[in-house]
């Protein structure tokens, strides 16, 4: 069924919940912590908007950030996505059929890929 031990000054209240934890006692020991290399990508959803024709859509901007543990090297790159067209053109594929909407992602407002 289980066993438990009582600490000096510890009193159990109703249903075994302790209300008086006593005065405690100082003790020395060592503590070790290991921080593993880790990075988190922070990105917002991108809403391309709605238009009757793709040529009428306006450019949109968004940003992303990367937060890594101290001294963790990182490199950011983007591939051609899930549905590339003509080798390196990013495209979104419709849920039905093989209709694609081509788009680009740039590093900055100078259209650098």
PDB file of N, CA and C in Angstrom:
ATOM      1  N   UNK A   1       0.833  -1.183   0.000  1.00  0.00           N
ATOM      2  CA  UNK A   1       0.000   0.000   0.000  1.00  0.00           C
ATOM      3  C   UNK A   1       0.873   1.239   0.000  1.00  0.00           C
ATOM      4  N   UNK A   2       2.049   1.187   0.557  1.00  0.00           N
ATOM      5  CA  UNK A   2       2.925   2.343   0.526  1.00  0.00           C
ATOM      6  C   UNK A   2       3.382   2.735   1.910  1.00  0.00           C
ATOM      7  N   UNK A   3       4.469   3.448   1.970  1.00  0.00           N
ATOM      8  CA  UNK A   3       5.012   3.915   3.236  1.00  0.00           C
ATOM      9  C   UNK A   3       5.378   5.376   3.088  1.00  0.00           C
ATOM     10  N   UNK A   4       5.397   6.089   4.190  1.00  0.00           N
ATOM     11  CA  UNK A   4       5.827   7.474   4.176  1.00  0.00           C
ATOM     12  C   UNK A   4       6.558   7.746   5.468  1.00  0.00           C
ATOM     13  N   UNK A   5       7.369   8.755   5.443  1.00  0.00           N
ATOM     14  CA  UNK A   5       8.154   9.115   6.608  1.00  0.00           C
ATOM     15  C   UNK A   5       7.833  10.543   6.986  1.00  0.00           C
ATOM     16  N   UNK A   6       7.945  10.846   8.271  1.00  0.00           N
ATOM     17  CA  UNK A   6       7.665  12.189   8.744  1.00  0.00           C
ATOM     18  C   UNK A   6       8.958  12.929   8.994  1.00  0.00           C
ATOM     19  N   UNK A   7       8.971  14.210   8.650  1.00  0.00           N
ATOM     20  CA  UNK A   7      10.115  15.071   8.918  1.00  0.00           C
ATOM     21  C   UNK A   7       9.923  15.730  10.275  1.00  0.00           C
ATOM     22  N   UNK A   8      11.014  16.112  10.961  1.00  0.00           N
ATOM     23  CA  UNK A   8      10.871  16.792  12.245  1.00  0.00           C
ATOM     24  C   UNK A   8      10.070  18.079  12.082  1.00  0.00           C
ATOM     25  N   UNK A   9       9.087  18.285  12.938  1.00  0.00           N
ATOM     26  CA  UNK A   9       8.266  19.483  12.899  1.00  0.00           C
ATOM     27  C   UNK A   9       7.140  19.432  11.890  1.00  0.00           C
ATOM     28  N   UNK A  10       7.031  18.352  11.139  1.00  0.00           N
ATOM     29  CA  UNK A  10       5.980  18.236  10.136  1.00  0.00           C
ATOM     30  C   UNK A  10       4.748  17.640  10.781  1.00  0.00           C
ATOM     31  N   UNK A  11       3.624  18.308  10.617  1.00  0.00           N
ATOM     32  CA  UNK A  11       2.361  17.796  11.146  1.00  0.00           C
ATOM     33  C   UNK A  11       1.388  17.665   9.988  1.00  0.00           C
ATOM     34  N   UNK A  12       0.722  16.547   9.952  1.00  0.00           N
ATOM     35  CA  UNK A  12      -0.271  16.345   8.912  1.00  0.00           C
ATOM     36  C   UNK A  12      -1.601  16.924   9.344  1.00  0.00           C
ATOM     37  N   UNK A  13      -2.240  17.610   8.419  1.00  0.00           N
ATOM     38  CA  UNK A  13      -3.568  18.144   8.681  1.00  0.00           C
ATOM     39  C   UNK A  13      -4.615  17.191   8.149  1.00  0.00           C
ATOM     40  N   UNK A  14      -5.755  17.709   7.843  1.00  0.00           N
ATOM     41  CA  UNK A  14      -6.860  16.918   7.310  1.00  0.00           C
ATOM     42  C   UNK A  14      -6.430  16.279   5.991  1.00  0.00           C
ATOM     43  N   UNK A  15      -6.764  15.049   5.812  1.00  0.00           N
ATOM     44  CA  UNK A  15      -6.452  14.290   4.605  1.00  0.00           C
ATOM     45  C   UNK A  15      -4.958  14.222   4.315  1.00  0.00           C
ATOM     46  N   UNK A  16      -4.139  14.325   5.339  1.00  0.00           N
ATOM     47  CA  UNK A  16      -2.704  14.177   5.162  1.00  0.00           C
ATOM     48  C   UNK A  16      -2.006  15.404   4.620  1.00  0.00           C
ATOM     49  N   UNK A  17      -2.699  16.525   4.512  1.00  0.00           N
ATOM     50  CA  UNK A  17      -2.079  17.747   4.003  1.00  0.00           C
ATOM     51  C   UNK A  17      -1.370  18.441   5.151  1.00  0.00           C
ATOM     52  N   UNK A  18      -0.099  18.747   4.988  1.00  0.00           N
ATOM     53  CA  UNK A  18       0.678  19.368   6.060  1.00  0.00           C
ATOM     54  C   UNK A  18       0.503  20.872   6.094  1.00  0.00           C
ATOM     55  N   UNK A  19       0.285  21.411   7.292  1.00  0.00           N
ATOM     56  CA  UNK A  19       0.144  22.854   7.445  1.00  0.00           C
ATOM     57  C   UNK A  19       1.323  23.455   8.190  1.00  0.00           C
ATOM     58  N   UNK A  20       1.991  22.681   9.047  1.00  0.00           N
ATOM     59  CA  UNK A  20       3.129  23.176   9.808  1.00  0.00           C
ATOM     60  C   UNK A  20       4.357  22.425   9.325  1.00  0.00           C
ATOM     61  N   UNK A  21       5.208  23.102   8.581  1.00  0.00           N
ATOM     62  CA  UNK A  21       6.364  22.447   7.997  1.00  0.00           C
ATOM     63  C   UNK A  21       7.573  22.472   8.910  1.00  0.00           C
ATOM     64  N   UNK A  22       7.457  23.031  10.095  1.00  0.00           N
ATOM     65  CA  UNK A  22       8.570  23.033  11.038  1.00  0.00           C
ATOM     66  C   UNK A  22       9.618  24.059  10.667  1.00  0.00           C
ATOM     67  N   UNK A  23      10.750  24.017  11.365  1.00  0.00           N
ATOM     68  CA  UNK A  23      11.793  25.017  11.158  1.00  0.00           C
ATOM     69  C   UNK A  23      12.809  24.590  10.110  1.00  0.00           C
ATOM     70  N   UNK A  24      12.868  23.337   9.755  1.00  0.00           N
ATOM     71  CA  UNK A  24      13.816  22.864   8.767  1.00  0.00           C
ATOM     72  C   UNK A  24      15.229  22.806   9.303  1.00  0.00           C
ATOM     73  N   UNK A  25      16.150  22.428   8.464  1.00  0.00           N
ATOM     74  CA  UNK A  25      17.555  22.332   8.860  1.00  0.00           C
ATOM     75  C   UNK A  25      18.417  22.641   7.646  1.00  0.00           C
ATOM     76  N   UNK A  26      19.508  23.379   7.866  1.00  0.00           N
ATOM     77  CA  UNK A  26      20.442  23.683   6.789  1.00  0.00           C
ATOM     78  C   UNK A  26      21.246  22.445   6.437  1.00  0.00           C
ATOM     79  N   UNK A  27      21.563  22.312   5.170  1.00  0.00           N
ATOM     80  CA  UNK A  27      22.446  21.228   4.747  1.00  0.00           C
ATOM     81  C   UNK A  27      23.239  21.711   3.538  1.00  0.00           C
ATOM     82  N   UNK A  28      24.395  21.144   3.354  1.00  0.00           N
ATOM     83  CA  UNK A  28      25.243  21.470   2.219  1.00  0.00           C
ATOM     84  C   UNK A  28      25.224  20.323   1.230  1.00  0.00           C
ATOM     85  N   UNK A  29      25.325  20.655  -0.014  1.00  0.00           N
ATOM     86  CA  UNK A  29      25.356  19.635  -1.052  1.00  0.00           C
ATOM     87  C   UNK A  29      25.836  20.277  -2.335  1.00  0.00           C
ATOM     88  N   UNK A  30      25.928  19.498  -3.352  1.00  0.00           N
ATOM     89  CA  UNK A  30      26.336  20.047  -4.642  1.00  0.00           C
ATOM     90  C   UNK A  30      25.176  19.917  -5.613  1.00  0.00           C
ATOM     91  N   UNK A  31      25.149  20.822  -6.539  1.00  0.00           N
ATOM     92  CA  UNK A  31      24.104  20.846  -7.544  1.00  0.00           C
ATOM     93  C   UNK A  31      24.773  21.003  -8.897  1.00  0.00           C
ATOM     94  N   UNK A  32      24.326  20.246  -9.849  1.00  0.00           N
ATOM     95  CA  UNK A  32      24.887  20.319 -11.196  1.00  0.00           C
ATOM     96  C   UNK A  32      23.740  20.455 -12.181  1.00  0.00           C
ATOM     97  N   UNK A  33      23.934  21.287 -13.189  1.00  0.00           N
ATOM     98  CA  UNK A  33      22.921  21.432 -14.226  1.00  0.00           C
ATOM     99  C   UNK A  33      23.631  21.443 -15.578  1.00  0.00           C
ATOM    100  N   UNK A  34      23.050  20.774 -16.532  1.00  0.00           N
ATOM    101  CA  UNK A  34      23.593  20.742 -17.883  1.00  0.00           C
ATOM    102  C   UNK A  34      22.581  21.392 -18.814  1.00  0.00           C
ATOM    103  N   UNK A  35      22.998  22.422 -19.523  1.00  0.00           N
ATOM    104  CA  UNK A  35      22.140  23.082 -20.500  1.00  0.00           C
ATOM    105  C   UNK A  35      22.513  22.534 -21.871  1.00  0.00           C
ATOM    106  N   UNK A  36      21.583  21.837 -22.477  1.00  0.00           N
ATOM    107  CA  UNK A  36      21.828  21.229 -23.780  1.00  0.00           C
ATOM    108  C   UNK A  36      21.677  22.268 -24.887  1.00  0.00           C
ATOM    109  N   UNK A  37      22.426  22.130 -25.971  1.00  0.00           N
ATOM    110  CA  UNK A  37      22.267  23.049 -27.101  1.00  0.00           C
ATOM    111  C   UNK A  37      20.840  22.949 -27.645  1.00  0.00           C
ATOM    112  N   UNK A  38      20.198  24.084 -27.820  1.00  0.00           N
ATOM    113  CA  UNK A  38      18.816  24.079 -28.286  1.00  0.00           C
ATOM    114  C   UNK A  38      18.503  25.419 -28.933  1.00  0.00           C
ATOM    115  N   UNK A  39      17.679  25.399 -29.950  1.00  0.00           N
ATOM    116  CA  UNK A  39      17.221  26.628 -30.597  1.00  0.00           C
ATOM    117  C   UNK A  39      15.716  26.552 -30.797  1.00  0.00           C
ATOM    118  N   UNK A  40      15.074  27.689 -30.707  1.00  0.00           N
ATOM    119  CA  UNK A  40      13.634  27.815 -30.953  1.00  0.00           C
ATOM    120  C   UNK A  40      13.434  28.820 -32.077  1.00  0.00           C
ATOM    121  N   UNK A  41      12.565  28.480 -33.002  1.00  0.00           N
ATOM    122  CA  UNK A  41      12.228  29.393 -34.087  1.00  0.00           C
ATOM    123  C   UNK A  41      10.909  30.059 -33.727  1.00  0.00           C
ATOM    124  N   UNK A  42      10.908  31.370 -33.771  1.00  0.00           N
ATOM    125  CA  UNK A  42       9.715  32.146 -33.477  1.00  0.00           C
ATOM    126  C   UNK A  42       9.244  32.775 -34.782  1.00  0.00           C
ATOM    127  N   UNK A  43       8.086  32.369 -35.249  1.00  0.00           N
ATOM    128  CA  UNK A  43       7.578  32.892 -36.518  1.00  0.00           C
ATOM    129  C   UNK A  43       6.077  33.114 -36.413  1.00  0.00           C
ATOM    130  N   UNK A  44       5.616  34.107 -37.126  1.00  0.00           N
ATOM    131  CA  UNK A  44       4.191  34.405 -37.172  1.00  0.00           C
ATOM    132  C   UNK A  44       3.604  33.810 -38.444  1.00  0.00           C
ATOM    133  N   UNK A  45       2.318  33.483 -38.388  1.00  0.00           N
ATOM    134  CA  UNK A  45       1.638  33.029 -39.593  1.00  0.00           C
ATOM    135  C   UNK A  45       1.629  34.162 -40.613  1.00  0.00           C
ATOM    136  N   UNK A  46       1.627  33.797 -41.874  1.00  0.00           N
ATOM    137  CA  UNK A  46       1.577  34.783 -42.951  1.00  0.00           C
ATOM    138  C   UNK A  46       0.221  34.671 -43.627  1.00  0.00           C
ATOM    139  N   UNK A  47      -0.475  35.791 -43.737  1.00  0.00           N
ATOM    140  CA  UNK A  47      -1.761  35.831 -44.418  1.00  0.00           C
ATOM    141  C   UNK A  47      -1.555  36.562 -45.739  1.00  0.00           C
ATOM    142  N   UNK A  48      -1.677  35.851 -46.836  1.00  0.00           N
ATOM    143  CA  UNK A  48      -1.460  36.449 -48.147  1.00  0.00           C
ATOM    144  C   UNK A  48      -2.656  37.284 -48.603  1.00  0.00           C
ATOM    145  N   UNK A  49      -3.763  37.202 -47.904  1.00  0.00           N
ATOM    146  CA  UNK A  49      -4.945  37.980 -48.262  1.00  0.00           C
ATOM    147  C   UNK A  49      -5.838  37.232 -49.228  1.00  0.00           C
ATOM    148  N   UNK A  50      -6.820  37.953 -49.753  1.00  0.00           N
ATOM    149  CA  UNK A  50      -7.791  37.378 -50.676  1.00  0.00           C
ATOM    150  C   UNK A  50      -7.886  38.268 -51.908  1.00  0.00           C
ATOM    151  N   UNK A  51      -7.875  37.668 -53.060  1.00  0.00           N
ATOM    152  CA  UNK A  51      -8.030  38.413 -54.314  1.00  0.00           C
ATOM    153  C   UNK A  51      -8.615  37.478 -55.361  1.00  0.00           C
ATOM    154  N   UNK A  52      -9.298  38.066 -56.319  1.00  0.00           N
ATOM    155  CA  UNK A  52      -9.889  37.259 -57.391  1.00  0.00           C
ATOM    156  C   UNK A  52      -8.817  36.663 -58.297  1.00  0.00           C
ATOM    157  N   UNK A  53      -7.697  37.370 -58.433  1.00  0.00           N
ATOM    158  CA  UNK A  53      -6.599  36.901 -59.268  1.00  0.00           C
ATOM    159  C   UNK A  53      -5.301  37.020 -58.486  1.00  0.00           C
ATOM    160  N   UNK A  54      -4.413  36.057 -58.648  1.00  0.00           N
ATOM    161  CA  UNK A  54      -3.140  36.069 -57.918  1.00  0.00           C
ATOM    162  C   UNK A  54      -2.333  37.324 -58.223  1.00  0.00           C
ATOM    163  N   UNK A  55      -2.443  37.830 -59.430  1.00  0.00           N
ATOM    164  CA  UNK A  55      -1.681  39.033 -59.799  1.00  0.00           C
ATOM    165  C   UNK A  55      -2.133  40.269 -59.023  1.00  0.00           C
ATOM    166  N   UNK A  56      -3.284  40.203 -58.387  1.00  0.00           N
ATOM    167  CA  UNK A  56      -3.808  41.343 -57.624  1.00  0.00           C
ATOM    168  C   UNK A  56      -3.396  41.305 -56.151  1.00  0.00           C
ATOM    169  N   UNK A  57      -2.727  40.248 -55.725  1.00  0.00           N
ATOM    170  CA  UNK A  57      -2.279  40.164 -54.331  1.00  0.00           C
ATOM    171  C   UNK A  57      -1.106  41.106 -54.107  1.00  0.00           C
ATOM    172  N   UNK A  58      -1.100  41.768 -52.979  1.00  0.00           N
ATOM    173  CA  UNK A  58      -0.021  42.685 -52.616  1.00  0.00           C
ATOM    174  C   UNK A  58       1.064  41.922 -51.859  1.00  0.00           C
ATOM    175  N   UNK A  59       2.315  42.368 -51.952  1.00  0.00           N
ATOM    176  CA  UNK A  59       3.376  41.734 -51.145  1.00  0.00           C
ATOM    177  C   UNK A  59       3.068  41.862 -49.653  1.00  0.00           C
ATOM    178  N   UNK A  60       3.422  40.858 -48.903  1.00  0.00           N
ATOM    179  CA  UNK A  60       3.232  40.880 -47.450  1.00  0.00           C
ATOM    180  C   UNK A  60       4.585  40.705 -46.779  1.00  0.00           C
ATOM    181  N   UNK A  61       4.679  41.197 -45.555  1.00  0.00           N
ATOM    182  CA  UNK A  61       5.917  41.058 -44.794  1.00  0.00           C
ATOM    183  C   UNK A  61       5.627  40.373 -43.473  1.00  0.00           C
ATOM    184  N   UNK A  62       6.584  39.634 -43.027  1.00  0.00           N
ATOM    185  CA  UNK A  62       6.530  39.009 -41.715  1.00  0.00           C
ATOM    186  C   UNK A  62       7.969  38.898 -41.236  1.00  0.00           C
ATOM    187  N   UNK A  63       8.136  38.442 -40.048  1.00  0.00           N
ATOM    188  CA  UNK A  63       9.498  38.274 -39.540  1.00  0.00           C
ATOM    189  C   UNK A  63       9.581  36.986 -38.749  1.00  0.00           C
ATOM    190  N   UNK A  64      10.786  36.572 -38.516  1.00  0.00           N
ATOM    191  CA  UNK A  64      11.014  35.393 -37.696  1.00  0.00           C
ATOM    192  C   UNK A  64      12.219  35.665 -36.818  1.00  0.00           C
ATOM    193  N   UNK A  65      12.287  34.971 -35.730  1.00  0.00           N
ATOM    194  CA  UNK A  65      13.420  35.112 -34.833  1.00  0.00           C
ATOM    195  C   UNK A  65      13.910  33.744 -34.408  1.00  0.00           C
ATOM    196  N   UNK A  66      15.125  33.696 -33.977  1.00  0.00           N
ATOM    197  CA  UNK A  66      15.714  32.454 -33.497  1.00  0.00           C
ATOM    198  C   UNK A  66      16.334  32.738 -32.147  1.00  0.00           C
ATOM    199  N   UNK A  67      16.034  31.885 -31.199  1.00  0.00           N
ATOM    200  CA  UNK A  67      16.604  32.020 -29.857  1.00  0.00           C
ATOM    201  C   UNK A  67      17.283  30.704 -29.512  1.00  0.00           C
ATOM    202  N   UNK A  68      18.578  30.790 -29.245  1.00  0.00           N
ATOM    203  CA  UNK A  68      19.361  29.587 -28.955  1.00  0.00           C
ATOM    204  C   UNK A  68      19.996  29.697 -27.578  1.00  0.00           C
ATOM    205  N   UNK A  69      20.292  28.553 -26.993  1.00  0.00           N
ATOM    206  CA  UNK A  69      21.031  28.561 -25.738  1.00  0.00           C
ATOM    207  C   UNK A  69      22.425  29.131 -26.003  1.00  0.00           C
ATOM    208  N   UNK A  70      23.052  29.646 -24.959  1.00  0.00           N
ATOM    209  CA  UNK A  70      24.339  30.333 -25.074  1.00  0.00           C
ATOM    210  C   UNK A  70      25.372  29.459 -25.787  1.00  0.00           C
ATOM    211  N   UNK A  71      26.129  30.072 -26.671  1.00  0.00           N
ATOM    212  CA  UNK A  71      27.217  29.429 -27.421  1.00  0.00           C
ATOM    213  C   UNK A  71      26.754  28.299 -28.332  1.00  0.00           C
ATOM    214  N   UNK A  72      25.483  28.314 -28.735  1.00  0.00           N
ATOM    215  CA  UNK A  72      24.988  27.320 -29.680  1.00  0.00           C
ATOM    216  C   UNK A  72      25.040  27.921 -31.080  1.00  0.00           C
ATOM    217  N   UNK A  73      25.889  27.396 -31.951  1.00  0.00           N
ATOM    218  CA  UNK A  73      25.950  27.943 -33.310  1.00  0.00           C
ATOM    219  C   UNK A  73      24.692  27.562 -34.092  1.00  0.00           C
ATOM    220  N   UNK A  74      24.266  28.442 -34.991  1.00  0.00           N
ATOM    221  CA  UNK A  74      23.109  28.122 -35.816  1.00  0.00           C
ATOM    222  C   UNK A  74      23.268  28.744 -37.198  1.00  0.00           C
ATOM    223  N   UNK A  75      22.547  28.213 -38.147  1.00  0.00           N
ATOM    224  CA  UNK A  75      22.545  28.692 -39.521  1.00  0.00           C
ATOM    225  C   UNK A  75      21.114  28.595 -40.019  1.00  0.00           C
ATOM    226  N   UNK A  76      20.630  29.607 -40.673  1.00  0.00           N
ATOM    227  CA  UNK A  76      19.258  29.614 -41.178  1.00  0.00           C
ATOM    228  C   UNK A  76      19.287  29.471 -42.690  1.00  0.00           C
ATOM    229  N   UNK A  77      18.531  28.542 -43.192  1.00  0.00           N
ATOM    230  CA  UNK A  77      18.382  28.410 -44.640  1.00  0.00           C
ATOM    231  C   UNK A  77      16.970  27.933 -44.930  1.00  0.00           C
ATOM    232  N   UNK A  78      16.502  28.231 -46.108  1.00  0.00           N
ATOM    233  CA  UNK A  78      15.183  27.786 -46.545  1.00  0.00           C
ATOM    234  C   UNK A  78      15.356  26.958 -47.806  1.00  0.00           C
ATOM    235  N   UNK A  79      14.592  25.893 -47.898  1.00  0.00           N
ATOM    236  CA  UNK A  79      14.655  25.086 -49.113  1.00  0.00           C
ATOM    237  C   UNK A  79      13.548  25.530 -50.067  1.00  0.00           C
ATOM    238  N   UNK A  80      13.265  24.743 -51.061  1.00  0.00           N
ATOM    239  CA  UNK A  80      12.271  25.110 -52.067  1.00  0.00           C
ATOM    240  C   UNK A  80      10.847  24.741 -51.675  1.00  0.00           C
ATOM    241  N   UNK A  81      10.633  24.307 -50.451  1.00  0.00           N
ATOM    242  CA  UNK A  81       9.285  24.015 -49.987  1.00  0.00           C
ATOM    243  C   UNK A  81       8.797  22.638 -50.395  1.00  0.00           C
ATOM    244  N   UNK A  82       7.528  22.391 -50.103  1.00  0.00           N
ATOM    245  CA  UNK A  82       6.940  21.072 -50.363  1.00  0.00           C
ATOM    246  C   UNK A  82       6.527  20.863 -51.818  1.00  0.00           C
ATOM    247  N   UNK A  83       6.259  21.943 -52.540  1.00  0.00           N
ATOM    248  CA  UNK A  83       5.751  21.818 -53.913  1.00  0.00           C
ATOM    249  C   UNK A  83       6.503  22.728 -54.878  1.00  0.00           C
ATOM    250  N   UNK A  84       7.830  22.572 -54.998  1.00  0.00           N
ATOM    251  CA  UNK A  84       8.574  23.476 -55.882  1.00  0.00           C
ATOM    252  C   UNK A  84       8.166  23.288 -57.342  1.00  0.00           C
ATOM    253  N   UNK A  85       8.207  24.383 -58.084  1.00  0.00           N
ATOM    254  CA  UNK A  85       7.899  24.367 -59.510  1.00  0.00           C
ATOM    255  C   UNK A  85       9.140  24.821 -60.268  1.00  0.00           C
ATOM    256  N   UNK A  86       9.403  24.208 -61.392  1.00  0.00           N
ATOM    257  CA  UNK A  86      10.556  24.563 -62.236  1.00  0.00           C
ATOM    258  C   UNK A  86      11.860  24.524 -61.449  1.00  0.00           C
ATOM    259  N   UNK A  87      11.987  23.597 -60.543  1.00  0.00           N
ATOM    260  CA  UNK A  87      13.236  23.410 -59.816  1.00  0.00           C
ATOM    261  C   UNK A  87      13.383  24.201 -58.544  1.00  0.00           C
ATOM    262  N   UNK A  88      13.228  25.545 -58.605  1.00  0.00           N
ATOM    263  CA  UNK A  88      13.493  26.331 -57.408  1.00  0.00           C
ATOM    264  C   UNK A  88      12.430  27.382 -57.099  1.00  0.00           C
ATOM    265  N   UNK A  89      11.290  27.335 -57.742  1.00  0.00           N
ATOM    266  CA  UNK A  89      10.213  28.295 -57.488  1.00  0.00           C
ATOM    267  C   UNK A  89       9.278  27.729 -56.425  1.00  0.00           C
ATOM    268  N   UNK A  90       9.178  28.425 -55.295  1.00  0.00           N
ATOM    269  CA  UNK A  90       8.263  27.984 -54.242  1.00  0.00           C
ATOM    270  C   UNK A  90       6.831  28.091 -54.750  1.00  0.00           C
ATOM    271  N   UNK A  91       5.969  27.173 -54.310  1.00  0.00           N
ATOM    272  CA  UNK A  91       4.568  27.205 -54.724  1.00  0.00           C
ATOM    273  C   UNK A  91       3.706  26.517 -53.677  1.00  0.00           C
ATOM    274  N   UNK A  92       2.501  27.038 -53.521  1.00  0.00           N
ATOM    275  CA  UNK A  92       1.497  26.382 -52.684  1.00  0.00           C
ATOM    276  C   UNK A  92       0.616  25.553 -53.598  1.00  0.00           C
ATOM    277  N   UNK A  93       0.329  24.337 -53.169  1.00  0.00           N
ATOM    278  CA  UNK A  93      -0.496  23.435 -53.961  1.00  0.00           C
ATOM    279  C   UNK A  93      -1.914  23.458 -53.416  1.00  0.00           C
ATOM    280  N   UNK A  94      -2.897  23.478 -54.323  1.00  0.00           N
ATOM    281  CA  UNK A  94      -4.292  23.444 -53.889  1.00  0.00           C
ATOM    282  C   UNK A  94      -4.592  22.106 -53.222  1.00  0.00           C
ATOM    283  N   UNK A  95      -5.608  22.092 -52.391  1.00  0.00           N
ATOM    284  CA  UNK A  95      -5.969  20.851 -51.705  1.00  0.00           C
ATOM    285  C   UNK A  95      -6.541  19.828 -52.663  1.00  0.00           C
ATOM    286  N   UNK A  96      -7.132  20.299 -53.745  1.00  0.00           N
ATOM    287  CA  UNK A  96      -7.683  19.387 -54.746  1.00  0.00           C
ATOM    288  C   UNK A  96      -6.990  19.650 -56.076  1.00  0.00           C
ATOM    289  N   UNK A  97      -6.603  18.614 -56.747  1.00  0.00           N
ATOM    290  CA  UNK A  97      -5.981  18.770 -58.054  1.00  0.00           C
ATOM    291  C   UNK A  97      -4.528  19.188 -57.982  1.00  0.00           C
ATOM    292  N   UNK A  98      -4.004  19.572 -59.124  1.00  0.00           N
ATOM    293  CA  UNK A  98      -2.610  19.993 -59.233  1.00  0.00           C
ATOM    294  C   UNK A  98      -2.518  21.459 -59.639  1.00  0.00           C
ATOM    295  N   UNK A  99      -3.171  22.319 -58.894  1.00  0.00           N
ATOM    296  CA  UNK A  99      -3.109  23.757 -59.137  1.00  0.00           C
ATOM    297  C   UNK A  99      -2.123  24.360 -58.155  1.00  0.00           C
ATOM    298  N   UNK A 100      -1.229  25.215 -58.644  1.00  0.00           N
ATOM    299  CA  UNK A 100      -0.179  25.790 -57.809  1.00  0.00           C
ATOM    300  C   UNK A 100      -0.224  27.305 -57.856  1.00  0.00           C
ATOM    301  N   UNK A 101       0.106  27.934 -56.738  1.00  0.00           N
ATOM    302  CA  UNK A 101       0.258  29.379 -56.655  1.00  0.00           C
ATOM    303  C   UNK A 101       1.707  29.648 -56.279  1.00  0.00           C
ATOM    304  N   UNK A 102       2.449  30.245 -57.211  1.00  0.00           N
ATOM    305  CA  UNK A 102       3.877  30.495 -56.987  1.00  0.00           C
ATOM    306  C   UNK A 102       4.068  31.704 -56.077  1.00  0.00           C
ATOM    307  N   UNK A 103       5.111  31.645 -55.242  1.00  0.00           N
ATOM    308  CA  UNK A 103       5.445  32.769 -54.363  1.00  0.00           C
ATOM    309  C   UNK A 103       6.930  32.720 -54.042  1.00  0.00           C
ATOM    310  N   UNK A 104       7.440  33.794 -53.474  1.00  0.00           N
ATOM    311  CA  UNK A 104       8.850  33.877 -53.101  1.00  0.00           C
ATOM    312  C   UNK A 104       8.979  34.280 -51.641  1.00  0.00           C
ATOM    313  N   UNK A 105      10.094  33.931 -51.052  1.00  0.00           N
ATOM    314  CA  UNK A 105      10.470  34.386 -49.714  1.00  0.00           C
ATOM    315  C   UNK A 105      11.824  35.074 -49.856  1.00  0.00           C
ATOM    316  N   UNK A 106      11.914  36.283 -49.341  1.00  0.00           N
ATOM    317  CA  UNK A 106      13.150  37.062 -49.436  1.00  0.00           C
ATOM    318  C   UNK A 106      13.697  37.364 -48.052  1.00  0.00           C
ATOM    319  N   UNK A 107      15.004  37.545 -47.969  1.00  0.00           N
ATOM    320  CA  UNK A 107      15.666  37.885 -46.705  1.00  0.00           C
ATOM    321  C   UNK A 107      15.332  39.290 -46.244  1.00  0.00           C
ATOM    322  N   UNK A 108      15.154  40.196 -47.199  1.00  0.00           N
ATOM    323  CA  UNK A 108      14.964  41.604 -46.850  1.00  0.00           C
ATOM    324  C   UNK A 108      14.151  42.290 -47.940  1.00  0.00           C
ATOM    325  N   UNK A 109      13.952  43.594 -47.795  1.00  0.00           N
ATOM    326  CA  UNK A 109      13.146  44.336 -48.771  1.00  0.00           C
ATOM    327  C   UNK A 109      13.856  44.529 -50.106  1.00  0.00           C
ATOM    328  N   UNK A 110      15.117  44.148 -50.199  1.00  0.00           N
ATOM    329  CA  UNK A 110      15.867  44.235 -51.462  1.00  0.00           C
ATOM    330  C   UNK A 110      15.673  43.003 -52.332  1.00  0.00           C
ATOM    331  N   UNK A 111      14.773  42.130 -51.929  1.00  0.00           N
ATOM    332  CA  UNK A 111      14.470  40.897 -52.661  1.00  0.00           C
ATOM    333  C   UNK A 111      15.662  39.957 -52.762  1.00  0.00           C
ATOM    334  N   UNK A 112      16.510  39.931 -51.748  1.00  0.00           N
ATOM    335  CA  UNK A 112      17.619  38.969 -51.699  1.00  0.00           C
ATOM    336  C   UNK A 112      17.084  37.626 -51.237  1.00  0.00           C
ATOM    337  N   UNK A 113      17.418  36.593 -51.982  1.00  0.00           N
ATOM    338  CA  UNK A 113      16.983  35.245 -51.596  1.00  0.00           C
ATOM    339  C   UNK A 113      17.951  34.625 -50.636  1.00  0.00           C
TER     340      UNK A 113
END
